[in-house]
Amino acid sequence: ERGLTYSDLCRPCMMKTDPAVAYGFWGKCWNLYRDTPPHKGYSILRKWCAEKTSWYVYTSNVDGHFKESGFEKTRVLEMHGCLDQWIAGSDW
């Protein structure tokens, strides 16, 4: 309706310039991610990791499914962050 792209909605400045749209967008994303259970692939990966002495997960996923599936938090690096952790910058 307003011609906003996904990229527009992901810009942190949206929280300041149009908080209703930004929180509406991220609220919907939050609900979709939280309502979607981790698939069987996470169990397979966890089994493989259990067979290793050293392992880490480097993921672009923001849904938190690795941690929800029992992976150790200290061994999971979510390069884009996670929806359950909001970090605000001051340079919007």
C-alpha atoms as a PDB file:
ATOM      1  CA  GLU A   1       0.000   0.000   0.000  1.00  0.00           C
ATOM      2  CA  ARG A   2       2.772   2.458   0.893  1.00  0.00           C
ATOM      3  CA  GLY A   3       5.317   0.946  -1.461  1.00  0.00           C
ATOM      4  CA  LEU A   4       7.661  -0.162   1.318  1.00  0.00           C
ATOM      5  CA  THR A   5      10.031  -2.994   0.493  1.00  0.00           C
ATOM      6  CA  TYR A   6      11.318  -5.661   2.851  1.00  0.00           C
ATOM      7  CA  SER A   7      14.612  -3.769   2.903  1.00  0.00           C
ATOM      8  CA  ASP A   8      12.788  -0.571   3.913  1.00  0.00           C
ATOM      9  CA  LEU A   9      11.031  -2.334   6.765  1.00  0.00           C
ATOM     10  CA  CYS A  10      14.313  -3.781   8.050  1.00  0.00           C
ATOM     11  CA  ARG A  11      16.005  -0.407   8.411  1.00  0.00           C
ATOM     12  CA  PRO A  12      16.422   0.553  12.088  1.00  0.00           C
ATOM     13  CA  CYS A  13      15.332   4.134  11.344  1.00  0.00           C
ATOM     14  CA  MET A  14      11.792   2.786  10.781  1.00  0.00           C
ATOM     15  CA  MET A  15      11.517   2.353  14.555  1.00  0.00           C
ATOM     16  CA  LYS A  16      11.872   6.106  14.869  1.00  0.00           C
ATOM     17  CA  THR A  17      10.166   7.402  11.722  1.00  0.00           C
ATOM     18  CA  ASP A  18       7.173   5.039  11.729  1.00  0.00           C
ATOM     19  CA  PRO A  19       7.099   2.893  14.875  1.00  0.00           C
ATOM     20  CA  ALA A  20       3.575   1.571  14.240  1.00  0.00           C
ATOM     21  CA  VAL A  21       4.607   0.106  10.881  1.00  0.00           C
ATOM     22  CA  ALA A  22       7.950  -1.158  12.195  1.00  0.00           C
ATOM     23  CA  TYR A  23       6.479  -2.847  15.270  1.00  0.00           C
ATOM     24  CA  GLY A  24       3.589  -4.214  13.209  1.00  0.00           C
ATOM     25  CA  PHE A  25       6.001  -5.743  10.703  1.00  0.00           C
ATOM     26  CA  TRP A  26       8.332  -7.214  13.329  1.00  0.00           C
ATOM     27  CA  GLY A  27       5.411  -8.319  15.484  1.00  0.00           C
ATOM     28  CA  LYS A  28       4.041 -10.330  12.582  1.00  0.00           C
ATOM     29  CA  CYS A  29       7.503 -11.794  11.898  1.00  0.00           C
ATOM     30  CA  TRP A  30       7.867 -12.640  15.590  1.00  0.00           C
ATOM     31  CA  ASN A  31       4.553 -14.488  15.622  1.00  0.00           C
ATOM     32  CA  LEU A  32       5.351 -16.416  12.442  1.00  0.00           C
ATOM     33  CA  TYR A  33       8.772 -17.499  13.726  1.00  0.00           C
ATOM     34  CA  ARG A  34       7.482 -18.426  17.188  1.00  0.00           C
ATOM     35  CA  ASP A  35       4.521 -20.379  15.786  1.00  0.00           C
ATOM     36  CA  THR A  36       6.743 -22.416  13.451  1.00  0.00           C
ATOM     37  CA  PRO A  37       8.426 -25.343  15.220  1.00  0.00           C
ATOM     38  CA  PRO A  38      11.983 -26.359  14.315  1.00  0.00           C
ATOM     39  CA  HIS A  39      12.041 -29.009  11.575  1.00  0.00           C
ATOM     40  CA  LYS A  40      13.726 -32.434  11.809  1.00  0.00           C
ATOM     41  CA  GLY A  41      16.959 -31.090  10.307  1.00  0.00           C
ATOM     42  CA  TYR A  42      17.847 -29.513  13.647  1.00  0.00           C
ATOM     43  CA  SER A  43      17.710 -32.914  15.345  1.00  0.00           C
ATOM     44  CA  ILE A  44      19.959 -34.385  12.660  1.00  0.00           C
ATOM     45  CA  LEU A  45      22.489 -31.570  13.073  1.00  0.00           C
ATOM     46  CA  ARG A  46      22.394 -31.889  16.862  1.00  0.00           C
ATOM     47  CA  LYS A  47      23.137 -35.613  16.553  1.00  0.00           C
ATOM     48  CA  TRP A  48      26.109 -34.890  14.262  1.00  0.00           C
ATOM     49  CA  CYS A  49      27.412 -32.276  16.693  1.00  0.00           C
ATOM     50  CA  ALA A  50      27.104 -34.715  19.607  1.00  0.00           C
ATOM     51  CA  GLU A  51      29.486 -37.026  17.753  1.00  0.00           C
ATOM     52  CA  LYS A  52      32.166 -34.306  17.561  1.00  0.00           C
ATOM     53  CA  THR A  53      34.429 -32.942  20.282  1.00  0.00           C
ATOM     54  CA  SER A  54      34.471 -29.442  18.832  1.00  0.00           C
ATOM     55  CA  TRP A  55      31.696 -27.777  16.860  1.00  0.00           C
ATOM     56  CA  TYR A  56      30.013 -24.414  16.360  1.00  0.00           C
ATOM     57  CA  VAL A  57      26.988 -23.225  14.450  1.00  0.00           C
ATOM     58  CA  TYR A  58      27.258 -20.049  12.365  1.00  0.00           C
ATOM     59  CA  THR A  59      23.816 -19.186  11.063  1.00  0.00           C
ATOM     60  CA  SER A  60      21.933 -16.390   9.356  1.00  0.00           C
ATOM     61  CA  ASN A  61      18.671 -17.658  10.870  1.00  0.00           C
ATOM     62  CA  VAL A  62      16.929 -15.199  13.188  1.00  0.00           C
ATOM     63  CA  ASP A  63      14.270 -17.607  14.472  1.00  0.00           C
ATOM     64  CA  GLY A  64      16.186 -19.004  17.479  1.00  0.00           C
ATOM     65  CA  HIS A  65      15.473 -22.581  16.412  1.00  0.00           C
ATOM     66  CA  PHE A  66      19.006 -23.790  17.083  1.00  0.00           C
ATOM     67  CA  LYS A  67      18.766 -22.792  20.737  1.00  0.00           C
ATOM     68  CA  GLU A  68      15.175 -24.023  20.924  1.00  0.00           C
ATOM     69  CA  SER A  69      16.375 -27.399  19.594  1.00  0.00           C
ATOM     70  CA  GLY A  70      18.848 -27.834  22.426  1.00  0.00           C
ATOM     71  CA  PHE A  71      22.066 -26.491  20.925  1.00  0.00           C
ATOM     72  CA  GLU A  72      24.343 -24.844  23.496  1.00  0.00           C
ATOM     73  CA  LYS A  73      23.887 -21.062  23.352  1.00  0.00           C
ATOM     74  CA  THR A  74      27.629 -20.473  23.639  1.00  0.00           C
ATOM     75  CA  ARG A  75      28.232 -22.514  20.469  1.00  0.00           C
ATOM     76  CA  VAL A  76      25.639 -20.788  18.263  1.00  0.00           C
ATOM     77  CA  LEU A  77      26.522 -17.540  16.494  1.00  0.00           C
ATOM     78  CA  GLU A  78      23.523 -15.871  14.872  1.00  0.00           C
ATOM     79  CA  MET A  79      25.142 -13.418  12.475  1.00  0.00           C
ATOM     80  CA  HIS A  80      21.945 -11.375  12.012  1.00  0.00           C
ATOM     81  CA  GLY A  81      20.889 -11.640  15.646  1.00  0.00           C
ATOM     82  CA  CYS A  82      17.754 -13.248  16.947  1.00  0.00           C
ATOM     83  CA  LEU A  83      14.219 -11.922  17.200  1.00  0.00           C
ATOM     84  CA  ASP A  84      14.138 -12.620  20.921  1.00  0.00           C
ATOM     85  CA  GLN A  85      17.006 -10.161  21.480  1.00  0.00           C
ATOM     86  CA  TRP A  86      16.480  -6.585  20.345  1.00  0.00           C
ATOM     87  CA  ILE A  87      19.495  -4.314  20.265  1.00  0.00           C
ATOM     88  CA  ALA A  88      18.978  -0.663  19.487  1.00  0.00           C
ATOM     89  CA  GLY A  89      21.675   1.606  18.118  1.00  0.00           C
ATOM     90  CA  SER A  90      21.818   5.320  18.721  1.00  0.00           C
ATOM     91  CA  ASP A  91      22.606   6.305  15.113  1.00  0.00           C
ATOM     92  CA  TRP A  92      19.204   5.884  13.523  1.00  0.00           C
END
